[in-house]
PDB file of N, CA and C in Angstrom:
ATOM      1  N   UNK A   1       0.831  -1.173   0.000  1.00  0.00           N
ATOM      2  CA  UNK A   1       0.000   0.000   0.000  1.00  0.00           C
ATOM      3  C   UNK A   1       0.884   1.247   0.000  1.00  0.00           C
ATOM      4  N   UNK A   2       0.570   2.182  -0.881  1.00  0.00           N
ATOM      5  CA  UNK A   2       1.354   3.412  -0.972  1.00  0.00           C
ATOM      6  C   UNK A   2       1.011   4.353   0.183  1.00  0.00           C
ATOM      7  N   UNK A   3       1.998   5.103   0.654  1.00  0.00           N
ATOM      8  CA  UNK A   3       1.707   6.137   1.647  1.00  0.00           C
ATOM      9  C   UNK A   3       0.764   7.176   1.046  1.00  0.00           C
ATOM     10  N   UNK A   4      -0.166   7.675   1.865  1.00  0.00           N
ATOM     11  CA  UNK A   4      -1.121   8.674   1.410  1.00  0.00           C
ATOM     12  C   UNK A   4      -0.797  10.019   2.037  1.00  0.00           C
ATOM     13  N   UNK A   5      -0.664  11.026   1.181  1.00  0.00           N
ATOM     14  CA  UNK A   5      -0.417  12.385   1.645  1.00  0.00           C
ATOM     15  C   UNK A   5      -1.586  13.233   1.173  1.00  0.00           C
ATOM     16  N   UNK A   6      -2.267  13.854   2.135  1.00  0.00           N
ATOM     17  CA  UNK A   6      -3.464  14.629   1.836  1.00  0.00           C
ATOM     18  C   UNK A   6      -3.207  16.109   2.109  1.00  0.00           C
ATOM     19  N   UNK A   7      -3.630  16.935   1.159  1.00  0.00           N
ATOM     20  CA  UNK A   7      -3.488  18.380   1.282  1.00  0.00           C
ATOM     21  C   UNK A   7      -4.867  19.027   1.289  1.00  0.00           C
ATOM     22  N   UNK A   8      -4.965  20.173   1.944  1.00  0.00           N
ATOM     23  CA  UNK A   8      -6.195  20.955   2.014  1.00  0.00           C
ATOM     24  C   UNK A   8      -6.100  22.107   1.013  1.00  0.00           C
ATOM     25  N   UNK A   9      -7.106  22.239   0.154  1.00  0.00           N
ATOM     26  CA  UNK A   9      -7.109  23.325  -0.827  1.00  0.00           C
ATOM     27  C   UNK A   9      -7.068  24.686  -0.132  1.00  0.00           C
ATOM     28  N   UNK A  10      -7.640  24.775   1.050  1.00  0.00           N
ATOM     29  CA  UNK A  10      -7.658  26.037   1.788  1.00  0.00           C
ATOM     30  C   UNK A  10      -6.293  26.397   2.362  1.00  0.00           C
ATOM     31  N   UNK A  11      -5.346  25.465   2.331  1.00  0.00           N
ATOM     32  CA  UNK A  11      -4.009  25.698   2.871  1.00  0.00           C
ATOM     33  C   UNK A  11      -3.025  26.143   1.791  1.00  0.00           C
ATOM     34  N   UNK A  12      -3.473  26.212   0.557  1.00  0.00           N
ATOM     35  CA  UNK A  12      -2.571  26.521  -0.553  1.00  0.00           C
ATOM     36  C   UNK A  12      -1.974  27.922  -0.454  1.00  0.00           C
ATOM     37  N   UNK A  13      -2.612  28.824   0.306  1.00  0.00           N
ATOM     38  CA  UNK A  13      -2.057  30.175   0.461  1.00  0.00           C
ATOM     39  C   UNK A  13      -0.708  30.156   1.179  1.00  0.00           C
ATOM     40  N   UNK A  14      -0.373  29.034   1.797  1.00  0.00           N
ATOM     41  CA  UNK A  14       0.937  28.882   2.440  1.00  0.00           C
ATOM     42  C   UNK A  14       1.992  28.370   1.456  1.00  0.00           C
ATOM     43  N   UNK A  15       1.599  28.114   0.210  1.00  0.00           N
ATOM     44  CA  UNK A  15       2.549  27.638  -0.795  1.00  0.00           C
ATOM     45  C   UNK A  15       2.599  26.130  -0.938  1.00  0.00           C
ATOM     46  N   UNK A  16       1.625  25.438  -0.370  1.00  0.00           N
ATOM     47  CA  UNK A  16       1.667  23.977  -0.412  1.00  0.00           C
ATOM     48  C   UNK A  16       1.336  23.393  -1.785  1.00  0.00           C
ATOM     49  N   UNK A  17       0.733  24.182  -2.677  1.00  0.00           N
ATOM     50  CA  UNK A  17       0.433  23.665  -4.017  1.00  0.00           C
ATOM     51  C   UNK A  17       1.711  23.184  -4.706  1.00  0.00           C
ATOM     52  N   UNK A  18       2.774  23.942  -4.587  1.00  0.00           N
ATOM     53  CA  UNK A  18       4.059  23.587  -5.201  1.00  0.00           C
ATOM     54  C   UNK A  18       4.544  22.229  -4.686  1.00  0.00           C
ATOM     55  N   UNK A  19       4.414  22.015  -3.391  1.00  0.00           N
ATOM     56  CA  UNK A  19       4.837  20.753  -2.793  1.00  0.00           C
ATOM     57  C   UNK A  19       3.917  19.620  -3.236  1.00  0.00           C
ATOM     58  N   UNK A  20       2.620  19.866  -3.256  1.00  0.00           N
ATOM     59  CA  UNK A  20       1.663  18.863  -3.721  1.00  0.00           C
ATOM     60  C   UNK A  20       2.034  18.397  -5.126  1.00  0.00           C
ATOM     61  N   UNK A  21       2.278  19.350  -6.021  1.00  0.00           N
ATOM     62  CA  UNK A  21       2.617  19.010  -7.408  1.00  0.00           C
ATOM     63  C   UNK A  21       3.929  18.235  -7.488  1.00  0.00           C
ATOM     64  N   UNK A  22       4.893  18.602  -6.672  1.00  0.00           N
ATOM     65  CA  UNK A  22       6.173  17.888  -6.652  1.00  0.00           C
ATOM     66  C   UNK A  22       5.984  16.448  -6.179  1.00  0.00           C
ATOM     67  N   UNK A  23       5.227  16.270  -5.105  1.00  0.00           N
ATOM     68  CA  UNK A  23       5.010  14.926  -4.566  1.00  0.00           C
ATOM     69  C   UNK A  23       4.165  14.065  -5.504  1.00  0.00           C
ATOM     70  N   UNK A  24       3.260  14.689  -6.263  1.00  0.00           N
ATOM     71  CA  UNK A  24       2.440  13.943  -7.224  1.00  0.00           C
ATOM     72  C   UNK A  24       3.290  13.264  -8.293  1.00  0.00           C
ATOM     73  N   UNK A  25       4.466  13.783  -8.546  1.00  0.00           N
ATOM     74  CA  UNK A  25       5.360  13.198  -9.549  1.00  0.00           C
ATOM     75  C   UNK A  25       5.964  11.877  -9.078  1.00  0.00           C
ATOM     76  N   UNK A  26       5.887  11.594  -7.789  1.00  0.00           N
ATOM     77  CA  UNK A  26       6.456  10.371  -7.230  1.00  0.00           C
ATOM     78  C   UNK A  26       5.415   9.252  -7.297  1.00  0.00           C
ATOM     79  N   UNK A  27       5.651   8.235  -8.139  1.00  0.00           N
ATOM     80  CA  UNK A  27       4.669   7.154  -8.278  1.00  0.00           C
ATOM     81  C   UNK A  27       4.549   6.274  -7.032  1.00  0.00           C
ATOM     82  N   UNK A  28       5.443   6.447  -6.069  1.00  0.00           N
ATOM     83  CA  UNK A  28       5.398   5.665  -4.830  1.00  0.00           C
ATOM     84  C   UNK A  28       4.426   6.248  -3.805  1.00  0.00           C
ATOM     85  N   UNK A  29       3.844   7.424  -4.117  1.00  0.00           N
ATOM     86  CA  UNK A  29       2.967   8.117  -3.175  1.00  0.00           C
ATOM     87  C   UNK A  29       1.579   8.318  -3.767  1.00  0.00           C
ATOM     88  N   UNK A  30       0.559   8.249  -2.912  1.00  0.00           N
ATOM     89  CA  UNK A  30      -0.793   8.682  -3.273  1.00  0.00           C
ATOM     90  C   UNK A  30      -0.954  10.081  -2.704  1.00  0.00           C
ATOM     91  N   UNK A  31      -1.094  11.075  -3.572  1.00  0.00           N
ATOM     92  CA  UNK A  31      -1.218  12.462  -3.145  1.00  0.00           C
ATOM     93  C   UNK A  31      -2.613  12.945  -3.538  1.00  0.00           C
ATOM     94  N   UNK A  32      -3.344  13.468  -2.565  1.00  0.00           N
ATOM     95  CA  UNK A  32      -4.730  13.861  -2.786  1.00  0.00           C
ATOM     96  C   UNK A  32      -4.943  15.268  -2.243  1.00  0.00           C
ATOM     97  N   UNK A  33      -5.709  16.062  -2.984  1.00  0.00           N
ATOM     98  CA  UNK A  33      -6.102  17.392  -2.520  1.00  0.00           C
ATOM     99  C   UNK A  33      -7.595  17.379  -2.225  1.00  0.00           C
ATOM    100  N   UNK A  34      -7.960  17.833  -1.038  1.00  0.00           N
ATOM    101  CA  UNK A  34      -9.361  17.941  -0.636  1.00  0.00           C
ATOM    102  C   UNK A  34      -9.714  19.410  -0.460  1.00  0.00           C
ATOM    103  N   UNK A  35     -10.979  19.724  -0.571  1.00  0.00           N
ATOM    104  CA  UNK A  35     -11.434  21.088  -0.333  1.00  0.00           C
ATOM    105  C   UNK A  35     -11.198  21.507   1.107  1.00  0.00           C
ATOM    106  N   UNK A  36     -11.390  20.556   2.022  1.00  0.00           N
ATOM    107  CA  UNK A  36     -11.178  20.828   3.448  1.00  0.00           C
ATOM    108  C   UNK A  36     -10.857  19.522   4.153  1.00  0.00           C
ATOM    109  N   UNK A  37      -9.882  19.574   5.040  1.00  0.00           N
ATOM    110  CA  UNK A  37      -9.515  18.398   5.829  1.00  0.00           C
ATOM    111  C   UNK A  37     -10.013  18.504   7.268  1.00  0.00           C
ATOM    112  N   UNK A  38     -10.716  19.601   7.584  1.00  0.00           N
ATOM    113  CA  UNK A  38     -11.283  19.744   8.917  1.00  0.00           C
ATOM    114  C   UNK A  38     -10.287  20.114  10.001  1.00  0.00           C
ATOM    115  N   UNK A  39      -9.155  20.655   9.618  1.00  0.00           N
ATOM    116  CA  UNK A  39      -8.131  21.094  10.576  1.00  0.00           C
ATOM    117  C   UNK A  39      -7.927  22.597  10.428  1.00  0.00           C
ATOM    118  N   UNK A  40      -9.006  23.352  10.603  1.00  0.00           N
ATOM    119  CA  UNK A  40      -9.010  24.777  10.276  1.00  0.00           C
ATOM    120  C   UNK A  40      -7.970  25.579  11.054  1.00  0.00           C
ATOM    121  N   UNK A  41      -7.786  25.276  12.332  1.00  0.00           N
ATOM    122  CA  UNK A  41      -6.788  26.000  13.122  1.00  0.00           C
ATOM    123  C   UNK A  41      -5.396  25.808  12.564  1.00  0.00           C
ATOM    124  N   UNK A  42      -5.046  24.567  12.288  1.00  0.00           N
ATOM    125  CA  UNK A  42      -3.733  24.245  11.710  1.00  0.00           C
ATOM    126  C   UNK A  42      -3.599  24.877  10.327  1.00  0.00           C
ATOM    127  N   UNK A  43      -4.648  24.773   9.554  1.00  0.00           N
ATOM    128  CA  UNK A  43      -4.657  25.267   8.177  1.00  0.00           C
ATOM    129  C   UNK A  43      -4.409  26.778   8.136  1.00  0.00           C
ATOM    130  N   UNK A  44      -5.008  27.498   9.061  1.00  0.00           N
ATOM    131  CA  UNK A  44      -4.871  28.944   9.108  1.00  0.00           C
ATOM    132  C   UNK A  44      -3.453  29.362   9.486  1.00  0.00           C
ATOM    133  N   UNK A  45      -2.831  28.605  10.385  1.00  0.00           N
ATOM    134  CA  UNK A  45      -1.559  29.018  10.968  1.00  0.00           C
ATOM    135  C   UNK A  45      -0.321  28.652  10.167  1.00  0.00           C
ATOM    136  N   UNK A  46      -0.325  27.500   9.501  1.00  0.00           N
ATOM    137  CA  UNK A  46       0.931  27.009   8.918  1.00  0.00           C
ATOM    138  C   UNK A  46       0.659  26.039   7.779  1.00  0.00           C
ATOM    139  N   UNK A  47       1.674  25.823   6.933  1.00  0.00           N
ATOM    140  CA  UNK A  47       1.549  24.777   5.924  1.00  0.00           C
ATOM    141  C   UNK A  47       1.458  23.416   6.617  1.00  0.00           C
ATOM    142  N   UNK A  48       0.529  22.579   6.140  1.00  0.00           N
ATOM    143  CA  UNK A  48       0.401  21.257   6.736  1.00  0.00           C
ATOM    144  C   UNK A  48      -0.129  20.268   5.713  1.00  0.00           C
ATOM    145  N   UNK A  49       0.008  19.006   6.057  1.00  0.00           N
ATOM    146  CA  UNK A  49      -0.557  17.907   5.273  1.00  0.00           C
ATOM    147  C   UNK A  49      -0.850  16.772   6.238  1.00  0.00           C
ATOM    148  N   UNK A  50      -1.669  15.844   5.796  1.00  0.00           N
ATOM    149  CA  UNK A  50      -1.873  14.610   6.541  1.00  0.00           C
ATOM    150  C   UNK A  50      -1.045  13.532   5.865  1.00  0.00           C
ATOM    151  N   UNK A  51      -0.235  12.846   6.632  1.00  0.00           N
ATOM    152  CA  UNK A  51       0.591  11.757   6.111  1.00  0.00           C
ATOM    153  C   UNK A  51       0.080  10.478   6.761  1.00  0.00           C
ATOM    154  N   UNK A  52      -0.592   9.667   5.963  1.00  0.00           N
ATOM    155  CA  UNK A  52      -1.242   8.460   6.489  1.00  0.00           C
ATOM    156  C   UNK A  52      -2.087   8.788   7.716  1.00  0.00           C
ATOM    157  N   UNK A  53      -2.802   9.915   7.648  1.00  0.00           N
ATOM    158  CA  UNK A  53      -3.708  10.322   8.715  1.00  0.00           C
ATOM    159  C   UNK A  53      -3.081  11.132   9.829  1.00  0.00           C
ATOM    160  N   UNK A  54      -1.771  11.286   9.819  1.00  0.00           N
ATOM    161  CA  UNK A  54      -1.057  12.034  10.867  1.00  0.00           C
ATOM    162  C   UNK A  54      -0.819  13.467  10.403  1.00  0.00           C
ATOM    163  N   UNK A  55      -1.196  14.443  11.242  1.00  0.00           N
ATOM    164  CA  UNK A  55      -0.970  15.848  10.899  1.00  0.00           C
ATOM    165  C   UNK A  55       0.518  16.145  10.951  1.00  0.00           C
ATOM    166  N   UNK A  56       1.019  16.729   9.861  1.00  0.00           N
ATOM    167  CA  UNK A  56       2.416  17.149   9.783  1.00  0.00           C
ATOM    168  C   UNK A  56       2.396  18.618   9.381  1.00  0.00           C
ATOM    169  N   UNK A  57       3.011  19.468  10.191  1.00  0.00           N
ATOM    170  CA  UNK A  57       3.044  20.895   9.879  1.00  0.00           C
ATOM    171  C   UNK A  57       4.454  21.430  10.076  1.00  0.00           C
ATOM    172  N   UNK A  58       4.672  22.625   9.540  1.00  0.00           N
ATOM    173  CA  UNK A  58       5.998  23.244   9.632  1.00  0.00           C
ATOM    174  C   UNK A  58       5.850  24.754   9.464  1.00  0.00           C
ATOM    175  N   UNK A  59       6.949  25.446   9.667  1.00  0.00           N
ATOM    176  CA  UNK A  59       6.946  26.907   9.536  1.00  0.00           C
ATOM    177  C   UNK A  59       6.837  27.359   8.089  1.00  0.00           C
ATOM    178  N   UNK A  60       7.410  26.568   7.167  1.00  0.00           N
ATOM    179  CA  UNK A  60       7.339  26.915   5.749  1.00  0.00           C
ATOM    180  C   UNK A  60       7.282  25.633   4.922  1.00  0.00           C
ATOM    181  N   UNK A  61       7.073  25.801   3.630  1.00  0.00           N
ATOM    182  CA  UNK A  61       6.868  24.644   2.749  1.00  0.00           C
ATOM    183  C   UNK A  61       8.118  23.772   2.655  1.00  0.00           C
ATOM    184  N   UNK A  62       9.288  24.377   2.652  1.00  0.00           N
ATOM    185  CA  UNK A  62      10.523  23.599   2.571  1.00  0.00           C
ATOM    186  C   UNK A  62      10.662  22.697   3.796  1.00  0.00           C
ATOM    187  N   UNK A  63      10.382  23.246   4.966  1.00  0.00           N
ATOM    188  CA  UNK A  63      10.429  22.439   6.189  1.00  0.00           C
ATOM    189  C   UNK A  63       9.337  21.373   6.182  1.00  0.00           C
ATOM    190  N   UNK A  64       8.173  21.709   5.612  1.00  0.00           N
ATOM    191  CA  UNK A  64       7.089  20.728   5.534  1.00  0.00           C
ATOM    192  C   UNK A  64       7.509  19.540   4.680  1.00  0.00           C
ATOM    193  N   UNK A  65       8.151  19.807   3.564  1.00  0.00           N
ATOM    194  CA  UNK A  65       8.620  18.706   2.716  1.00  0.00           C
ATOM    195  C   UNK A  65       9.587  17.803   3.486  1.00  0.00           C
ATOM    196  N   UNK A  66      10.502  18.408   4.206  1.00  0.00           N
ATOM    197  CA  UNK A  66      11.469  17.638   4.998  1.00  0.00           C
ATOM    198  C   UNK A  66      10.763  16.834   6.093  1.00  0.00           C
ATOM    199  N   UNK A  67       9.809  17.454   6.772  1.00  0.00           N
ATOM    200  CA  UNK A  67       9.067  16.757   7.830  1.00  0.00           C
ATOM    201  C   UNK A  67       8.257  15.601   7.261  1.00  0.00           C
ATOM    202  N   UNK A  68       7.647  15.804   6.085  1.00  0.00           N
ATOM    203  CA  UNK A  68       6.881  14.720   5.452  1.00  0.00           C
ATOM    204  C   UNK A  68       7.801  13.547   5.163  1.00  0.00           C
ATOM    205  N   UNK A  69       8.959  13.819   4.600  1.00  0.00           N
ATOM    206  CA  UNK A  69       9.908  12.738   4.296  1.00  0.00           C
ATOM    207  C   UNK A  69      10.350  12.019   5.582  1.00  0.00           C
ATOM    208  N   UNK A  70      10.599  12.784   6.645  1.00  0.00           N
ATOM    209  CA  UNK A  70      10.990  12.179   7.926  1.00  0.00           C
ATOM    210  C   UNK A  70       9.872  11.293   8.481  1.00  0.00           C
ATOM    211  N   UNK A  71       8.643  11.775   8.422  1.00  0.00           N
ATOM    212  CA  UNK A  71       7.507  11.000   8.930  1.00  0.00           C
ATOM    213  C   UNK A  71       7.329   9.733   8.108  1.00  0.00           C
ATOM    214  N   UNK A  72       7.475   9.835   6.790  1.00  0.00           N
ATOM    215  CA  UNK A  72       7.362   8.646   5.940  1.00  0.00           C
ATOM    216  C   UNK A  72       8.419   7.610   6.312  1.00  0.00           C
ATOM    217  N   UNK A  73       9.653   8.064   6.559  1.00  0.00           N
ATOM    218  CA  UNK A  73      10.723   7.141   6.959  1.00  0.00           C
ATOM    219  C   UNK A  73      10.417   6.501   8.309  1.00  0.00           C
ATOM    220  N   UNK A  74       9.953   7.313   9.256  1.00  0.00           N
ATOM    221  CA  UNK A  74       9.616   6.788  10.586  1.00  0.00           C
ATOM    222  C   UNK A  74       8.483   5.773  10.510  1.00  0.00           C
ATOM    223  N   UNK A  75       7.466   6.084   9.723  1.00  0.00           N
ATOM    224  CA  UNK A  75       6.339   5.159   9.586  1.00  0.00           C
ATOM    225  C   UNK A  75       6.779   3.859   8.921  1.00  0.00           C
ATOM    226  N   UNK A  76       7.658   3.955   7.939  1.00  0.00           N
ATOM    227  CA  UNK A  76       8.172   2.749   7.278  1.00  0.00           C
ATOM    228  C   UNK A  76       8.976   1.903   8.268  1.00  0.00           C
ATOM    229  N   UNK A  77       9.804   2.555   9.069  1.00  0.00           N
ATOM    230  CA  UNK A  77      10.592   1.831  10.074  1.00  0.00           C
ATOM    231  C   UNK A  77       9.673   1.146  11.088  1.00  0.00           C
ATOM    232  N   UNK A  78       8.609   1.830  11.487  1.00  0.00           N
ATOM    233  CA  UNK A  78       7.647   1.227  12.419  1.00  0.00           C
ATOM    234  C   UNK A  78       6.983   0.000  11.803  1.00  0.00           C
ATOM    235  N   UNK A  79       6.586   0.092  10.525  1.00  0.00           N
ATOM    236  CA  UNK A  79       5.966  -1.056   9.846  1.00  0.00           C
ATOM    237  C   UNK A  79       6.930  -2.230   9.763  1.00  0.00           C
ATOM    238  N   UNK A  80       8.191  -1.939   9.442  1.00  0.00           N
ATOM    239  CA  UNK A  80       9.191  -3.005   9.343  1.00  0.00           C
ATOM    240  C   UNK A  80       9.430  -3.662  10.699  1.00  0.00           C
ATOM    241  N   UNK A  81       9.484  -2.861  11.762  1.00  0.00           N
ATOM    242  CA  UNK A  81       9.678  -3.414  13.107  1.00  0.00           C
ATOM    243  C   UNK A  81       8.488  -4.281  13.508  1.00  0.00           C
ATOM    244  N   UNK A  82       7.293  -3.836  13.186  1.00  0.00           N
ATOM    245  CA  UNK A  82       6.097  -4.621  13.496  1.00  0.00           C
ATOM    246  C   UNK A  82       6.078  -5.922  12.702  1.00  0.00           C
ATOM    247  N   UNK A  83       6.431  -5.844  11.420  1.00  0.00           N
ATOM    248  CA  UNK A  83       6.500  -7.057  10.596  1.00  0.00           C
ATOM    249  C   UNK A  83       7.501  -8.049  11.176  1.00  0.00           C
ATOM    250  N   UNK A  84       8.654  -7.546  11.622  1.00  0.00           N
ATOM    251  CA  UNK A  84       9.674  -8.423  12.200  1.00  0.00           C
ATOM    252  C   UNK A  84       9.159  -9.058  13.487  1.00  0.00           C
ATOM    253  N   UNK A  85       8.510  -8.262  14.303  1.00  0.00           N
ATOM    254  CA  UNK A  85       7.953  -8.776  15.549  1.00  0.00           C
ATOM    255  C   UNK A  85       6.933  -9.880  15.271  1.00  0.00           C
ATOM    256  N   UNK A  86       6.077  -9.657  14.312  1.00  0.00           N
ATOM    257  CA  UNK A  86       5.067 -10.661  13.957  1.00  0.00           C
ATOM    258  C   UNK A  86       5.732 -11.917  13.411  1.00  0.00           C
ATOM    259  N   UNK A  87       6.749 -11.742  12.580  1.00  0.00           N
ATOM    260  CA  UNK A  87       7.468 -12.897  12.026  1.00  0.00           C
ATOM    261  C   UNK A  87       8.148 -13.719  13.118  1.00  0.00           C
ATOM    262  N   UNK A  88       8.602 -13.038  14.176  1.00  0.00           N
ATOM    263  CA  UNK A  88       9.313 -13.721  15.257  1.00  0.00           C
ATOM    264  C   UNK A  88       8.385 -14.473  16.208  1.00  0.00           C
ATOM    265  N   UNK A  89       7.097 -14.244  16.105  1.00  0.00           N
ATOM    266  CA  UNK A  89       6.152 -14.921  17.017  1.00  0.00           C
ATOM    267  C   UNK A  89       5.970 -16.369  16.672  1.00  0.00           C
TER     268      UNK A  89
END
């Protein structure tokens, strides 16, 4: 299953459209834009996205891209650790 990254159309004023378009070029990711993700406080204050349902935000779009990549790596490591644990049972 591909990681899912969700963006809010109302958050594009923070410059997230550029990041959305960049991430859409990666065939390993499912990137989706919604009219609203229901995180209005976060949306108003900073660039953000949902990464597999987890809110990821940053001060600017460049930091958001880095945080998204870090979260994806952490989530992958967690899945691998869980798979190993299950295999060891």
